Protein backbone atom coordinates (compact mmCIF):
# COMPACT_ATOMS: atom_id res chain seq x y z
CA MET A 1 142.80 11.05 -93.53
CA HIS A 2 140.33 12.94 -95.81
CA LEU A 3 140.46 10.68 -98.41
CA TRP A 4 139.14 13.14 -101.53
CA GLN A 5 136.62 15.76 -102.00
CA ALA A 6 135.09 15.93 -105.34
CA THR A 7 134.09 19.81 -106.69
CA ALA A 8 130.94 20.40 -108.38
CA PRO A 9 130.50 19.49 -111.67
CA LEU A 10 131.12 21.76 -114.54
CA CYS A 11 132.96 24.15 -111.64
CA LEU A 12 136.32 24.04 -113.24
CA LEU A 13 137.26 22.62 -116.85
CA ALA A 14 135.40 22.53 -119.87
CA SER A 15 134.77 25.45 -121.72
CA ALA A 16 131.00 26.08 -122.10
CA ALA A 17 131.37 27.05 -125.67
CA LEU A 18 132.89 23.65 -126.81
CA PRO A 19 131.04 20.81 -127.37
CA THR A 20 130.71 17.80 -125.10
CA VAL A 21 132.90 15.03 -125.75
CA ALA A 22 132.46 11.30 -124.93
CA ALA A 23 133.99 9.96 -121.91
CA SER A 24 136.31 7.33 -121.93
CA ALA A 25 137.94 7.19 -118.79
CA TRP A 26 137.39 8.19 -115.35
CA GLY A 27 140.55 10.47 -114.11
CA PHE A 28 141.50 12.97 -111.68
CA THR A 29 142.68 16.74 -111.99
CA ASP A 30 143.62 19.48 -109.38
CA ALA A 31 144.82 17.00 -107.22
CA SER A 32 147.48 17.56 -103.97
CA VAL A 33 148.16 15.67 -101.02
CA ALA A 34 149.09 16.90 -97.32
CA VAL A 35 150.67 15.67 -94.15
CA GLN A 36 149.79 17.67 -91.35
CA PRO A 37 151.54 17.67 -88.05
CA LYS A 38 149.79 17.91 -84.98
CA GLY A 39 149.22 21.69 -84.08
CA ALA A 40 150.76 22.64 -87.62
CA GLY A 41 147.43 24.07 -88.65
CA ILE A 42 145.49 23.94 -91.95
CA ASN A 43 148.26 25.31 -94.34
CA GLY A 44 151.01 23.49 -91.85
CA GLY A 45 153.20 20.84 -93.13
CA PHE A 46 153.91 18.91 -96.65
CA LYS A 47 151.50 19.48 -99.49
CA GLU A 48 152.45 18.61 -103.07
CA GLN A 49 150.56 18.31 -106.45
CA ILE A 50 150.18 14.78 -107.40
CA SER A 51 148.99 13.48 -111.15
CA SER A 52 147.07 10.72 -112.43
CA SER A 53 149.50 9.58 -114.64
CA LYS A 54 152.65 9.52 -112.54
CA PRO A 55 153.21 9.05 -109.25
CA LEU A 56 155.34 10.57 -106.77
CA ALA A 57 158.88 9.94 -106.69
CA SER A 58 159.68 9.54 -102.94
CA PRO A 59 157.20 8.22 -100.19
CA LEU A 60 155.44 10.28 -97.78
CA ALA A 61 156.45 9.84 -93.94
CA PHE A 62 153.26 9.50 -91.78
CA THR A 63 153.43 9.56 -88.34
CA GLY A 64 151.28 8.84 -85.03
CA ALA A 65 150.34 12.49 -84.58
CA ASP A 66 149.79 12.94 -88.53
CA THR A 67 146.70 13.90 -90.67
CA LEU A 68 146.80 13.15 -94.01
CA ARG A 69 144.51 15.36 -96.75
CA VAL A 70 143.91 14.08 -100.29
CA THR A 71 141.85 16.45 -102.20
CA LEU A 72 140.91 16.23 -106.12
CA THR A 73 138.56 16.94 -108.73
CA THR A 74 136.99 13.78 -110.43
CA GLN A 75 136.57 13.85 -114.37
CA GLU A 76 135.03 11.68 -117.00
CA GLY A 77 137.06 12.23 -120.13
CA SER A 78 137.41 15.90 -119.89
CA SER A 79 134.50 16.88 -117.80
CA ALA A 80 134.52 17.25 -113.86
CA LYS A 81 131.70 14.37 -113.22
CA ARG A 82 130.56 12.49 -109.57
CA PRO A 83 131.60 9.60 -109.88
CA HIS A 84 129.59 6.56 -108.72
CA GLN A 85 132.44 5.22 -106.32
CA ALA A 86 135.90 7.11 -105.53
CA PHE A 87 138.19 6.22 -102.21
CA LEU A 88 141.58 5.85 -101.60
CA LEU A 89 143.13 2.39 -101.37
CA LEU A 90 145.96 2.03 -99.06
CA LYS A 91 147.47 -1.58 -100.10
CA ASP A 92 151.07 -3.02 -99.70
CA SER A 93 152.34 -4.77 -102.50
CA GLN A 94 154.04 -7.65 -100.81
CA SER A 95 151.69 -8.89 -98.62
CA GLY A 96 148.05 -8.44 -100.47
CA LEU A 97 146.75 -6.05 -97.20
CA ASP A 98 145.03 -3.29 -98.20
CA ILE A 99 142.39 -1.25 -96.98
CA SER A 100 140.01 1.98 -98.12
CA TYR A 101 137.96 3.31 -95.87
CA PRO A 102 138.44 6.79 -94.42
CA PHE A 103 140.47 7.65 -91.47
CA THR A 104 141.87 10.51 -89.91
CA THR A 105 144.82 9.70 -87.58
CA GLN A 106 147.26 6.57 -87.44
CA LYS A 107 145.66 4.95 -84.51
CA GLU A 108 142.69 4.29 -86.74
CA LEU A 109 144.63 1.99 -89.25
CA PRO A 110 144.29 -1.74 -88.94
CA LEU A 111 147.08 -3.12 -86.16
CA GLN A 112 148.99 -4.92 -88.98
CA PHE A 113 149.95 -1.68 -90.92
CA LEU A 114 151.92 -0.71 -88.40
CA THR A 115 154.15 -3.57 -88.48
CA LEU A 116 154.96 -3.27 -92.29
CA PRO A 117 158.84 -2.69 -92.74
CA ASN A 118 158.35 -0.96 -96.43
CA PRO A 119 155.73 1.79 -97.74
CA VAL A 120 152.48 1.09 -98.96
CA ASP A 121 150.93 2.21 -101.87
CA ALA A 122 148.55 4.74 -102.08
CA ARG A 123 145.75 3.92 -105.05
CA VAL A 124 143.15 6.02 -105.85
CA VAL A 125 140.29 4.37 -107.13
CA ILE A 126 137.56 6.01 -109.22
CA GLY A 127 134.85 4.32 -111.42
CA GLY A 128 130.91 4.99 -112.50
CA PHE A 129 128.35 3.51 -114.48
CA GLY A 130 128.73 3.55 -118.02
CA SER A 131 131.98 2.28 -120.61
CA SER A 132 133.86 4.21 -119.35
CA GLU A 133 137.11 3.03 -117.87
CA ALA A 134 137.66 3.31 -114.24
CA TYR A 135 141.12 4.46 -112.45
CA ASP A 136 142.98 2.37 -110.35
CA HIS A 137 146.22 3.34 -110.22
CA SER A 138 149.22 4.37 -107.62
CA VAL A 139 149.82 7.87 -107.02
CA PHE A 140 152.12 8.05 -103.78
CA LYS A 141 153.49 5.69 -101.73
CA LEU A 142 153.16 6.35 -97.53
CA SER A 143 155.83 5.23 -95.04
CA ILE A 144 153.60 4.85 -92.05
CA GLU A 145 156.30 5.57 -89.36
CA ARG A 146 155.45 4.79 -85.28
CA ASP A 147 157.37 5.92 -82.16
CA VAL A 148 160.04 3.06 -80.96
CA ASN A 149 159.20 3.85 -77.52
CA ILE A 150 155.25 3.14 -78.19
CA PRO A 151 154.41 -0.62 -77.63
CA ILE A 152 152.71 -2.00 -80.97
CA PRO A 153 148.99 -2.39 -79.46
CA THR A 154 147.94 -6.02 -79.37
CA ALA A 155 145.65 -7.82 -81.91
CA GLU A 156 142.02 -7.79 -80.84
CA ALA A 157 140.40 -10.63 -79.50
CA PRO A 158 138.80 -13.51 -81.46
CA ARG A 159 135.11 -11.96 -81.71
CA TYR A 160 133.51 -16.14 -81.03
CA GLY A 161 134.74 -17.90 -78.15
CA LYS A 162 133.77 -18.45 -74.98
CA LEU A 163 133.05 -15.33 -72.69
CA PRO A 164 133.98 -14.78 -68.64
CA GLU A 165 130.66 -15.35 -66.82
CA ILE A 166 128.99 -12.60 -65.49
CA HIS A 167 127.36 -12.15 -62.34
CA HIS A 168 124.38 -9.60 -61.64
CA THR A 169 124.15 -7.71 -58.72
CA PHE A 170 120.36 -6.65 -57.90
CA LYS A 171 119.32 -3.75 -55.76
CA ASN A 172 117.73 -5.18 -52.43
CA ASP A 173 114.26 -4.97 -52.14
CA PRO A 174 112.67 -1.72 -50.73
CA THR A 175 112.01 -1.67 -46.75
CA ASN A 176 109.96 0.09 -44.58
CA PRO A 177 110.59 2.74 -42.25
CA PRO A 178 111.50 2.34 -38.74
CA ILE A 179 108.04 1.52 -36.76
CA VAL A 180 108.49 4.41 -34.96
CA ILE A 181 107.72 6.74 -37.79
CA THR A 182 105.00 4.55 -38.93
CA LEU A 183 103.31 4.53 -35.19
CA ALA A 184 103.62 8.41 -35.39
CA PHE A 185 101.52 9.22 -38.85
CA VAL A 186 99.22 6.54 -37.91
CA GLY A 187 99.00 8.53 -34.45
CA ALA A 188 98.24 11.83 -36.54
CA VAL A 189 95.79 10.17 -38.32
CA ILE A 190 93.60 9.11 -35.24
CA ALA A 191 93.92 12.24 -33.71
CA SER A 192 92.59 14.10 -36.79
CA LEU A 193 89.29 12.36 -36.31
CA PRO A 194 87.62 14.01 -33.37
CA VAL A 195 88.73 17.05 -35.20
CA LEU A 196 86.82 16.01 -38.15
CA ALA A 197 84.01 15.14 -36.04
CA GLY A 198 84.09 18.40 -34.60
CA LEU A 199 84.30 19.89 -37.61
CA TRP A 200 81.13 18.50 -39.01
CA LEU A 201 79.12 19.18 -36.02
CA PHE A 202 80.06 22.73 -36.19
CA LEU A 203 79.05 22.96 -39.74
CA GLY A 204 75.57 21.87 -39.02
CA VAL A 205 75.69 17.95 -39.97
CA ASN A 206 72.07 16.50 -39.38
CA LEU A 207 72.48 12.86 -37.68
CA ASN A 208 68.71 12.92 -37.00
CA HIS A 209 68.76 12.06 -40.74
CA LEU A 210 70.88 8.80 -40.24
CA PRO A 211 67.89 6.56 -39.75
CA THR A 212 66.26 7.74 -42.70
CA ALA A 213 68.73 7.44 -45.11
CA LEU A 214 69.77 3.91 -43.85
CA LYS A 215 66.23 2.69 -44.28
CA SER A 216 65.68 4.45 -47.56
CA ALA A 217 68.64 3.16 -49.23
CA PRO A 218 70.16 0.73 -46.59
CA LEU A 219 72.74 -1.13 -49.23
CA PRO A 220 74.45 1.90 -51.26
CA HIS A 221 74.93 3.41 -48.34
CA ALA A 222 76.74 0.39 -46.05
CA VAL A 223 78.18 -0.79 -49.19
CA PHE A 224 79.96 2.35 -50.24
CA LEU A 225 81.30 3.29 -46.40
CA ALA A 226 82.87 -0.45 -46.79
CA SER A 227 84.27 0.36 -50.11
CA LEU A 228 85.98 3.44 -48.27
CA ALA A 229 87.58 0.83 -45.86
CA GLY A 230 88.60 -1.54 -48.59
CA PHE A 231 90.45 1.01 -49.87
CA GLU A 232 92.65 1.59 -45.95
CA GLY A 233 92.83 -2.04 -45.97
CA ILE A 234 94.35 -2.45 -49.18
CA PHE A 235 96.82 0.84 -48.67
CA PHE A 236 97.85 -1.13 -45.28
CA LEU A 237 98.34 -4.34 -47.21
CA TYR A 238 100.69 -2.87 -49.61
CA TYR A 239 102.84 -0.88 -47.00
CA THR A 240 103.13 -4.54 -45.30
CA SER A 241 103.10 -7.15 -47.99
CA TRP A 242 101.91 -6.58 -50.81
CA ASN A 243 103.28 -5.20 -54.12
CA LEU A 244 101.82 -2.99 -57.02
CA PHE A 245 100.53 -5.89 -59.23
CA GLN A 246 98.47 -7.13 -56.17
CA VAL A 247 97.43 -3.84 -55.43
CA LEU A 248 96.23 -2.38 -58.82
CA PRO A 249 93.65 -5.59 -59.51
CA ALA A 250 92.10 -4.86 -56.00
CA ALA A 251 91.99 -1.57 -56.14
CA ALA A 252 90.19 -1.64 -59.41
CA VAL A 253 87.24 -4.05 -58.08
CA VAL A 254 87.10 -1.67 -54.73
CA GLY A 255 86.95 1.47 -57.18
CA ALA A 256 84.14 0.23 -59.09
CA VAL A 257 82.20 -0.90 -55.93
CA ALA A 258 82.50 2.56 -54.67
CA PHE A 259 81.67 4.06 -58.02
CA VAL A 260 78.63 2.63 -58.11
CA SER A 261 77.67 2.36 -54.62
CA GLY A 262 78.51 6.07 -53.73
CA SER A 263 76.49 7.14 -57.15
CA ARG A 264 73.46 5.47 -55.44
CA ALA A 265 74.02 6.82 -51.90
CA LEU A 266 74.30 10.40 -53.51
CA GLY A 267 71.37 10.15 -55.27
CA GLU A 268 69.09 9.30 -52.04
CA VAL A 269 71.24 12.09 -50.21
CA GLN A 270 69.84 14.15 -53.10
CA GLY A 271 66.27 13.30 -53.17
CA ARG A 272 65.80 14.20 -49.80
CA ARG A 273 67.32 17.82 -50.22
CA LEU A 274 65.10 18.21 -53.23
CA ALA A 275 62.05 17.32 -50.60
CA GLY A 276 63.64 20.14 -48.32
CA LEU A 277 64.84 17.68 -45.74
CA ARG A 278 68.20 19.19 -44.38
């Protein structure tokens, strides 16, 4: 239900040539109420003008598939003005039950309204800051009708109270692939080592410099090779038993050692190359 729709100030009322009149009370003008059945379109259904001084004589029927639209121009005195508050209030005069928030269809009404035997008052409430008197009057009655073949929904469950126990279902821990696949990849890596050694010999690797390198910087070369082996060991442990939180600290330590020892070992190699030893 579209409750109200205020137009821009000074768009309808008051002539520019007339002096401003002090506002004494809030009200509205150019108001209408429309009940549109589902599928009737924007201009379909029932529509009637409403007055701020006299309510409609007959109640408006409001079924489950209808849309109620109220449009008006709010006024302070005789001038169109935007109020601080303006809403449509539905109120049952017998029980005092009321609601004052926007809604679009009957299904968004509180369940208690669906059981009321008599029409409810539709009141327009307009107010603002200042000395002007607020407007709060009934403009029409709304008869909330429902399909007798559709049962009334049950009331909502209590907000507070014991809730049913929640049983969490966790995913199973990830498992390693079958041992056959693991052995196949291990065999492929081992088979590539002779190929790598042959490529080194083909490219002219000089194994005669190995004793010189180990003599000049034995510790950096040994620690660097050991750190590379350490990385392979960490990967193996991660594959078999370790988790990521165990791998990261160990990899950080081994990586730092490999960086320091590798820079020293490469410095020794660079020194031999600068000396013309290849």
